[in-house]
PDB file of N, CA and C in Angstrom:
ATOM      1  N   MET A   1      11.194  15.493  74.525  1.00  0.00           N
ATOM      2  CA  MET A   1      11.526  14.604  73.630  1.00  0.00           C
ATOM      3  C   MET A   1      12.154  13.497  74.200  1.00  0.00           C
ATOM      4  N   HIS A   2      11.812  12.254  74.022  1.00  0.00           N
ATOM      5  CA  HIS A   2      12.149  10.896  74.640  1.00  0.00           C
ATOM      6  C   HIS A   2      12.701  10.227  73.450  1.00  0.00           C
ATOM      7  N   ALA A   3      13.914   9.686  73.791  1.00  0.00           N
ATOM      8  CA  ALA A   3      14.814   8.463  73.039  1.00  0.00           C
ATOM      9  C   ALA A   3      15.244   7.743  73.918  1.00  0.00           C
ATOM     10  N   THR A   4      15.180   6.242  73.132  1.00  0.00           N
ATOM     11  CA  THR A   4      15.757   5.130  73.643  1.00  0.00           C
ATOM     12  C   THR A   4      17.251   4.661  72.846  1.00  0.00           C
ATOM     13  N   ILE A   5      18.175   4.888  73.791  1.00  0.00           N
ATOM     14  CA  ILE A   5      19.612   4.576  73.415  1.00  0.00           C
ATOM     15  C   ILE A   5      19.721   2.759  73.410  1.00  0.00           C
ATOM     16  N   LYS A   6      20.050   2.498  72.163  1.00  0.00           N
ATOM     17  CA  LYS A   6      20.801   0.965  72.068  1.00  0.00           C
ATOM     18  C   LYS A   6      21.914   1.071  71.393  1.00  0.00           C
ATOM     19  N   VAL A   7      22.795   0.024  71.971  1.00  0.00           N
ATOM     20  CA  VAL A   7      24.102   0.024  72.053  1.00  0.00           C
ATOM     21  C   VAL A   7      24.288  -1.112  70.780  1.00  0.00           C
ATOM     22  N   LEU A   8      25.103  -0.687  69.699  1.00  0.00           N
ATOM     23  CA  LEU A   8      25.574  -1.410  68.663  1.00  0.00           C
ATOM     24  C   LEU A   8      27.081  -1.815  68.756  1.00  0.00           C
ATOM     25  N   TYR A   9      27.359  -3.181  68.398  1.00  0.00           N
ATOM     26  CA  TYR A   9      28.616  -3.645  68.244  1.00  0.00           C
ATOM     27  C   TYR A   9      29.314  -3.042  66.961  1.00  0.00           C
ATOM     28  N   LYS A  10      30.380  -2.657  67.005  1.00  0.00           N
ATOM     29  CA  LYS A  10      31.129  -2.333  65.813  1.00  0.00           C
ATOM     30  C   LYS A  10      32.077  -3.444  65.048  1.00  0.00           C
ATOM     31  N   GLN A  11      33.023  -3.632  66.053  1.00  0.00           N
ATOM     32  CA  GLN A  11      34.009  -4.464  65.598  1.00  0.00           C
ATOM     33  C   GLN A  11      35.178  -4.887  66.742  1.00  0.00           C
ATOM     34  N   GLY A  12      35.999  -5.842  66.564  1.00  0.00           N
ATOM     35  CA  GLY A  12      36.997  -5.907  67.533  1.00  0.00           C
ATOM     36  C   GLY A  12      36.364  -6.633  68.809  1.00  0.00           C
ATOM     37  N   ASP A  13      37.405  -6.498  69.861  1.00  0.00           N
ATOM     38  CA  ASP A  13      37.024  -7.336  71.020  1.00  0.00           C
ATOM     39  C   ASP A  13      35.731  -6.771  71.609  1.00  0.00           C
ATOM     40  N   ARG A  14      34.933  -7.822  71.952  1.00  0.00           N
ATOM     41  CA  ARG A  14      33.613  -7.345  72.385  1.00  0.00           C
ATOM     42  C   ARG A  14      33.690  -6.835  73.954  1.00  0.00           C
ATOM     43  N   SER A  15      34.771  -7.231  74.636  1.00  0.00           N
ATOM     44  CA  SER A  15      34.781  -6.791  76.108  1.00  0.00           C
ATOM     45  C   SER A  15      35.528  -5.236  76.184  1.00  0.00           C
ATOM     46  N   ASP A  16      35.761  -4.513  75.039  1.00  0.00           N
ATOM     47  CA  ASP A  16      36.321  -3.391  75.120  1.00  0.00           C
ATOM     48  C   ASP A  16      34.860  -2.429  74.706  1.00  0.00           C
ATOM     49  N   CYS A  17      34.672  -1.738  75.546  1.00  0.00           N
ATOM     50  CA  CYS A  17      33.981  -0.690  75.402  1.00  0.00           C
ATOM     51  C   CYS A  17      33.578   0.257  74.367  1.00  0.00           C
ATOM     52  N   ASN A  18      35.132   0.579  73.649  1.00  0.00           N
ATOM     53  CA  ASN A  18      35.214   1.465  72.973  1.00  0.00           C
ATOM     54  C   ASN A  18      34.801   0.585  71.493  1.00  0.00           C
ATOM     55  N   ASN A  19      34.342  -0.543  71.200  1.00  0.00           N
ATOM     56  CA  ASN A  19      34.182  -1.157  70.251  1.00  0.00           C
ATOM     57  C   ASN A  19      32.377  -1.133  70.074  1.00  0.00           C
ATOM     58  N   TYR A  20      31.882  -0.177  70.646  1.00  0.00           N
ATOM     59  CA  TYR A  20      30.497  -0.284  70.686  1.00  0.00           C
ATOM     60  C   TYR A  20      29.894   1.312  70.350  1.00  0.00           C
ATOM     61  N   ARG A  21      28.927   1.511  69.766  1.00  0.00           N
ATOM     62  CA  ARG A  21      28.475   3.171  69.655  1.00  0.00           C
ATOM     63  C   ARG A  21      26.765   2.972  69.772  1.00  0.00           C
ATOM     64  N   GLY A  22      26.543   4.098  70.562  1.00  0.00           N
ATOM     65  CA  GLY A  22      24.860   4.309  70.851  1.00  0.00           C
ATOM     66  C   GLY A  22      24.360   4.807  69.536  1.00  0.00           C
ATOM     67  N   VAL A  23      23.404   4.394  69.692  1.00  0.00           N
ATOM     68  CA  VAL A  23      22.080   4.771  68.387  1.00  0.00           C
ATOM     69  C   VAL A  23      20.816   5.721  69.206  1.00  0.00           C
ATOM     70  N   SER A  24      20.078   6.600  68.986  1.00  0.00           N
ATOM     71  CA  SER A  24      19.037   7.225  69.730  1.00  0.00           C
ATOM     72  C   SER A  24      18.009   6.673  68.788  1.00  0.00           C
ATOM     73  N   LEU A  25      17.095   5.832  69.367  1.00  0.00           N
ATOM     74  CA  LEU A  25      15.756   5.687  68.682  1.00  0.00           C
ATOM     75  C   LEU A  25      14.583   6.675  69.243  1.00  0.00           C
ATOM     76  N   LEU A  26      14.019   7.584  68.141  1.00  0.00           N
ATOM     77  CA  LEU A  26      13.028   8.612  68.338  1.00  0.00           C
ATOM     78  C   LEU A  26      11.761   7.868  68.011  1.00  0.00           C
ATOM     79  N   SER A  27      10.640   8.412  68.487  1.00  0.00           N
ATOM     80  CA  SER A  27       9.470   7.893  68.070  1.00  0.00           C
ATOM     81  C   SER A  27       9.139   8.856  66.922  1.00  0.00           C
ATOM     82  N   HIS A  28       8.431   8.322  66.024  1.00  0.00           N
ATOM     83  CA  HIS A  28       7.803   9.036  64.689  1.00  0.00           C
ATOM     84  C   HIS A  28       7.085  10.291  64.999  1.00  0.00           C
ATOM     85  N   VAL A  29       6.455  10.089  66.075  1.00  0.00           N
ATOM     86  CA  VAL A  29       5.735  11.151  66.650  1.00  0.00           C
ATOM     87  C   VAL A  29       6.469  12.435  67.073  1.00  0.00           C
ATOM     88  N   GLY A  30       7.768  12.489  67.537  1.00  0.00           N
ATOM     89  CA  GLY A  30       8.571  13.206  67.992  1.00  0.00           C
ATOM     90  C   GLY A  30       9.380  13.699  66.667  1.00  0.00           C
ATOM     91  N   LYS A  31       9.718  13.088  65.901  1.00  0.00           N
ATOM     92  CA  LYS A  31      10.226  13.619  64.595  1.00  0.00           C
ATOM     93  C   LYS A  31       9.376  14.641  63.842  1.00  0.00           C
ATOM     94  N   VAL A  32       8.287  14.585  63.815  1.00  0.00           N
ATOM     95  CA  VAL A  32       7.230  15.701  63.156  1.00  0.00           C
ATOM     96  C   VAL A  32       7.539  16.705  63.415  1.00  0.00           C
ATOM     97  N   PRO A  33       7.493  17.334  64.678  1.00  0.00           N
ATOM     98  CA  PRO A  33       7.626  18.556  64.910  1.00  0.00           C
ATOM     99  C   PRO A  33       9.006  19.087  64.829  1.00  0.00           C
ATOM    100  N   ILE A  34       9.961  18.394  65.100  1.00  0.00           N
ATOM    101  CA  ILE A  34      11.571  18.793  64.727  1.00  0.00           C
ATOM    102  C   ILE A  34      11.660  18.977  63.290  1.00  0.00           C
ATOM    103  N   LYS A  35      10.748  18.252  62.365  1.00  0.00           N
ATOM    104  CA  LYS A  35      11.203  18.519  60.819  1.00  0.00           C
ATOM    105  C   LYS A  35      10.287  19.561  60.410  1.00  0.00           C
ATOM    106  N   ILE A  36       9.346  20.089  61.154  1.00  0.00           N
ATOM    107  CA  ILE A  36       8.737  21.119  60.745  1.00  0.00           C
ATOM    108  C   ILE A  36       9.541  22.513  61.238  1.00  0.00           C
ATOM    109  N   ILE A  37       9.909  22.435  62.355  1.00  0.00           N
ATOM    110  CA  ILE A  37      10.753  23.570  62.790  1.00  0.00           C
ATOM    111  C   ILE A  37      11.980  23.688  61.979  1.00  0.00           C
ATOM    112  N   THR A  38      12.556  22.535  61.709  1.00  0.00           N
ATOM    113  CA  THR A  38      13.937  22.697  60.732  1.00  0.00           C
ATOM    114  C   THR A  38      13.590  23.184  59.500  1.00  0.00           C
ATOM    115  N   ASN A  39      12.380  22.715  58.930  1.00  0.00           N
ATOM    116  CA  ASN A  39      12.036  23.046  57.367  1.00  0.00           C
ATOM    117  C   ASN A  39      11.667  24.752  57.596  1.00  0.00           C
ATOM    118  N   ARG A  40      11.156  25.384  58.535  1.00  0.00           N
ATOM    119  CA  ARG A  40      10.844  26.621  58.974  1.00  0.00           C
ATOM    120  C   ARG A  40      11.899  27.500  59.090  1.00  0.00           C
ATOM    121  N   LEU A  41      12.945  27.028  59.850  1.00  0.00           N
ATOM    122  CA  LEU A  41      14.022  27.538  60.093  1.00  0.00           C
ATOM    123  C   LEU A  41      15.147  27.739  58.842  1.00  0.00           C
ATOM    124  N   SER A  42      15.207  26.615  58.061  1.00  0.00           N
ATOM    125  CA  SER A  42      16.052  26.557  56.897  1.00  0.00           C
ATOM    126  C   SER A  42      15.211  27.713  56.010  1.00  0.00           C
ATOM    127  N   ALA A  43      14.133  27.647  55.816  1.00  0.00           N
ATOM    128  CA  ALA A  43      13.547  28.756  54.896  1.00  0.00           C
ATOM    129  C   ALA A  43      13.607  29.958  54.944  1.00  0.00           C
ATOM    130  N   PHE A  44      13.608  30.259  56.422  1.00  0.00           N
ATOM    131  CA  PHE A  44      13.772  31.553  56.843  1.00  0.00           C
ATOM    132  C   PHE A  44      15.208  32.168  56.679  1.00  0.00           C
ATOM    133  N   CYS A  45      16.421  31.115  56.843  1.00  0.00           N
ATOM    134  CA  CYS A  45      17.585  31.454  56.624  1.00  0.00           C
ATOM    135  C   CYS A  45      17.567  31.567  55.352  1.00  0.00           C
ATOM    136  N   GLU A  46      17.304  31.060  54.337  1.00  0.00           N
ATOM    137  CA  GLU A  46      17.490  31.212  53.284  1.00  0.00           C
ATOM    138  C   GLU A  46      16.888  32.314  52.417  1.00  0.00           C
ATOM    139  N   ALA A  47      15.404  32.858  52.985  1.00  0.00           N
ATOM    140  CA  ALA A  47      14.756  33.825  52.490  1.00  0.00           C
ATOM    141  C   ALA A  47      15.542  35.187  52.941  1.00  0.00           C
ATOM    142  N   ASN A  48      15.989  35.330  54.082  1.00  0.00           N
ATOM    143  CA  ASN A  48      16.836  36.376  54.572  1.00  0.00           C
ATOM    144  C   ASN A  48      18.168  36.242  54.470  1.00  0.00           C
ATOM    145  N   ASN A  49      18.905  35.636  53.847  1.00  0.00           N
ATOM    146  CA  ASN A  49      20.268  35.500  53.449  1.00  0.00           C
ATOM    147  C   ASN A  49      21.075  35.670  54.663  1.00  0.00           C
ATOM    148  N   ILE A  50      20.728  34.769  55.827  1.00  0.00           N
ATOM    149  CA  ILE A  50      21.374  34.804  57.061  1.00  0.00           C
ATOM    150  C   ILE A  50      22.716  34.026  57.227  1.00  0.00           C
ATOM    151  N   LEU A  51      22.669  32.995  56.241  1.00  0.00           N
ATOM    152  CA  LEU A  51      24.018  32.004  56.127  1.00  0.00           C
ATOM    153  C   LEU A  51      24.727  32.723  54.889  1.00  0.00           C
ATOM    154  N   PRO A  52      25.996  32.855  55.215  1.00  0.00           N
ATOM    155  CA  PRO A  52      27.020  33.276  54.484  1.00  0.00           C
ATOM    156  C   PRO A  52      26.876  32.125  53.049  1.00  0.00           C
ATOM    157  N   GLU A  53      27.152  32.527  51.845  1.00  0.00           N
ATOM    158  CA  GLU A  53      27.535  31.778  50.728  1.00  0.00           C
ATOM    159  C   GLU A  53      28.389  30.552  50.835  1.00  0.00           C
ATOM    160  N   GLU A  54      29.526  30.738  51.753  1.00  0.00           N
ATOM    161  CA  GLU A  54      30.595  29.974  51.976  1.00  0.00           C
ATOM    162  C   GLU A  54      29.723  28.491  52.781  1.00  0.00           C
ATOM    163  N   GLN A  55      28.440  28.711  53.157  1.00  0.00           N
ATOM    164  CA  GLN A  55      27.908  27.538  54.139  1.00  0.00           C
ATOM    165  C   GLN A  55      27.309  26.789  52.972  1.00  0.00           C
ATOM    166  N   CYS A  56      27.680  25.681  52.573  1.00  0.00           N
ATOM    167  CA  CYS A  56      27.168  24.869  51.560  1.00  0.00           C
ATOM    168  C   CYS A  56      26.499  23.761  52.116  1.00  0.00           C
ATOM    169  N   GLY A  57      26.960  22.817  52.993  1.00  0.00           N
ATOM    170  CA  GLY A  57      26.440  21.921  54.038  1.00  0.00           C
ATOM    171  C   GLY A  57      25.138  22.102  54.715  1.00  0.00           C
ATOM    172  N   LEU A  58      24.239  20.999  54.673  1.00  0.00           N
ATOM    173  CA  LEU A  58      23.000  21.215  55.153  1.00  0.00           C
ATOM    174  C   LEU A  58      22.090  22.158  54.551  1.00  0.00           C
ATOM    175  N   ARG A  59      22.352  22.691  53.378  1.00  0.00           N
ATOM    176  CA  ARG A  59      21.396  23.804  52.612  1.00  0.00           C
ATOM    177  C   ARG A  59      21.115  23.041  51.466  1.00  0.00           C
ATOM    178  N   PRO A  60      19.584  23.599  51.141  1.00  0.00           N
ATOM    179  CA  PRO A  60      18.883  22.702  49.953  1.00  0.00           C
ATOM    180  C   PRO A  60      19.531  23.278  48.757  1.00  0.00           C
ATOM    181  N   GLY A  61      19.800  22.033  47.977  1.00  0.00           N
ATOM    182  CA  GLY A  61      20.311  22.398  46.343  1.00  0.00           C
ATOM    183  C   GLY A  61      22.114  22.550  46.618  1.00  0.00           C
ATOM    184  N   ARG A  62      22.549  22.399  47.580  1.00  0.00           N
ATOM    185  CA  ARG A  62      23.915  22.816  47.943  1.00  0.00           C
ATOM    186  C   ARG A  62      24.427  21.412  48.307  1.00  0.00           C
ATOM    187  N   SER A  63      25.785  21.126  48.552  1.00  0.00           N
ATOM    188  CA  SER A  63      26.431  20.229  49.403  1.00  0.00           C
ATOM    189  C   SER A  63      28.114  20.672  49.603  1.00  0.00           C
ATOM    190  N   THR A  64      28.467  19.890  50.496  1.00  0.00           N
ATOM    191  CA  THR A  64      29.931  19.995  50.642  1.00  0.00           C
ATOM    192  C   THR A  64      30.912  19.820  49.496  1.00  0.00           C
ATOM    193  N   VAL A  65      30.171  19.098  48.518  1.00  0.00           N
ATOM    194  CA  VAL A  65      31.248  18.696  47.114  1.00  0.00           C
ATOM    195  C   VAL A  65      31.169  19.872  46.360  1.00  0.00           C
ATOM    196  N   ASP A  66      30.144  20.761  46.663  1.00  0.00           N
ATOM    197  CA  ASP A  66      30.314  22.318  45.753  1.00  0.00           C
ATOM    198  C   ASP A  66      31.269  22.915  46.167  1.00  0.00           C
ATOM    199  N   MET A  67      31.423  22.818  47.823  1.00  0.00           N
ATOM    200  CA  MET A  67      32.441  23.846  48.154  1.00  0.00           C
ATOM    201  C   MET A  67      33.875  23.405  48.110  1.00  0.00           C
ATOM    202  N   LEU A  68      33.843  22.080  47.867  1.00  0.00           N
ATOM    203  CA  LEU A  68      35.414  21.337  47.548  1.00  0.00           C
ATOM    204  C   LEU A  68      35.805  21.860  45.980  1.00  0.00           C
ATOM    205  N   SER A  69      34.771  21.729  45.349  1.00  0.00           N
ATOM    206  CA  SER A  69      34.806  21.902  43.839  1.00  0.00           C
ATOM    207  C   SER A  69      35.501  23.403  43.725  1.00  0.00           C
ATOM    208  N   THR A  70      34.659  24.400  44.475  1.00  0.00           N
ATOM    209  CA  THR A  70      35.113  25.779  44.658  1.00  0.00           C
ATOM    210  C   THR A  70      36.393  26.167  44.933  1.00  0.00           C
ATOM    211  N   VAL A  71      37.110  25.102  45.975  1.00  0.00           N
ATOM    212  CA  VAL A  71      38.078  25.311  46.772  1.00  0.00           C
ATOM    213  C   VAL A  71      39.385  24.817  45.454  1.00  0.00           C
ATOM    214  N   GLY A  72      38.710  23.880  44.900  1.00  0.00           N
ATOM    215  CA  GLY A  72      39.835  23.196  44.025  1.00  0.00           C
ATOM    216  C   GLY A  72      39.800  24.150  42.672  1.00  0.00           C
ATOM    217  N   ARG A  73      39.029  24.700  42.165  1.00  0.00           N
ATOM    218  CA  ARG A  73      38.978  25.896  41.339  1.00  0.00           C
ATOM    219  C   ARG A  73      39.972  27.091  41.443  1.00  0.00           C
ATOM    220  N   ALA A  74      39.733  27.455  43.150  1.00  0.00           N
ATOM    221  CA  ALA A  74      40.207  28.636  43.239  1.00  0.00           C
ATOM    222  C   ALA A  74      41.835  28.345  43.526  1.00  0.00           C
ATOM    223  N   SER A  75      42.208  27.098  43.685  1.00  0.00           N
ATOM    224  CA  SER A  75      43.750  26.702  44.325  1.00  0.00           C
ATOM    225  C   SER A  75      44.245  26.592  42.936  1.00  0.00           C
ATOM    226  N   SER A  76      43.577  26.259  42.011  1.00  0.00           N
ATOM    227  CA  SER A  76      44.468  25.867  40.613  1.00  0.00           C
ATOM    228  C   SER A  76      44.578  27.195  39.585  1.00  0.00           C
ATOM    229  N   THR A  77      43.912  28.358  40.309  1.00  0.00           N
ATOM    230  CA  THR A  77      44.266  29.741  39.474  1.00  0.00           C
ATOM    231  C   THR A  77      45.339  30.151  39.962  1.00  0.00           C
TER     232      THR A  77
END
């Protein structure tokens, strides 16, 4: 995998290195195998119940908002 790093200015003094951030630019060709592997791993984990129910982030049909809602309901009872 090859990536090109571009430096982007955020704000503030341009002479301060902390006011910049790096962004990785990947080729589309390189993204395809990563997406395939990610989808297969995700499907495998879901089918085999590898991830705990408490894990909502980065799962299909769930979000961290779901977990925040659950925590809110649990804390109000």
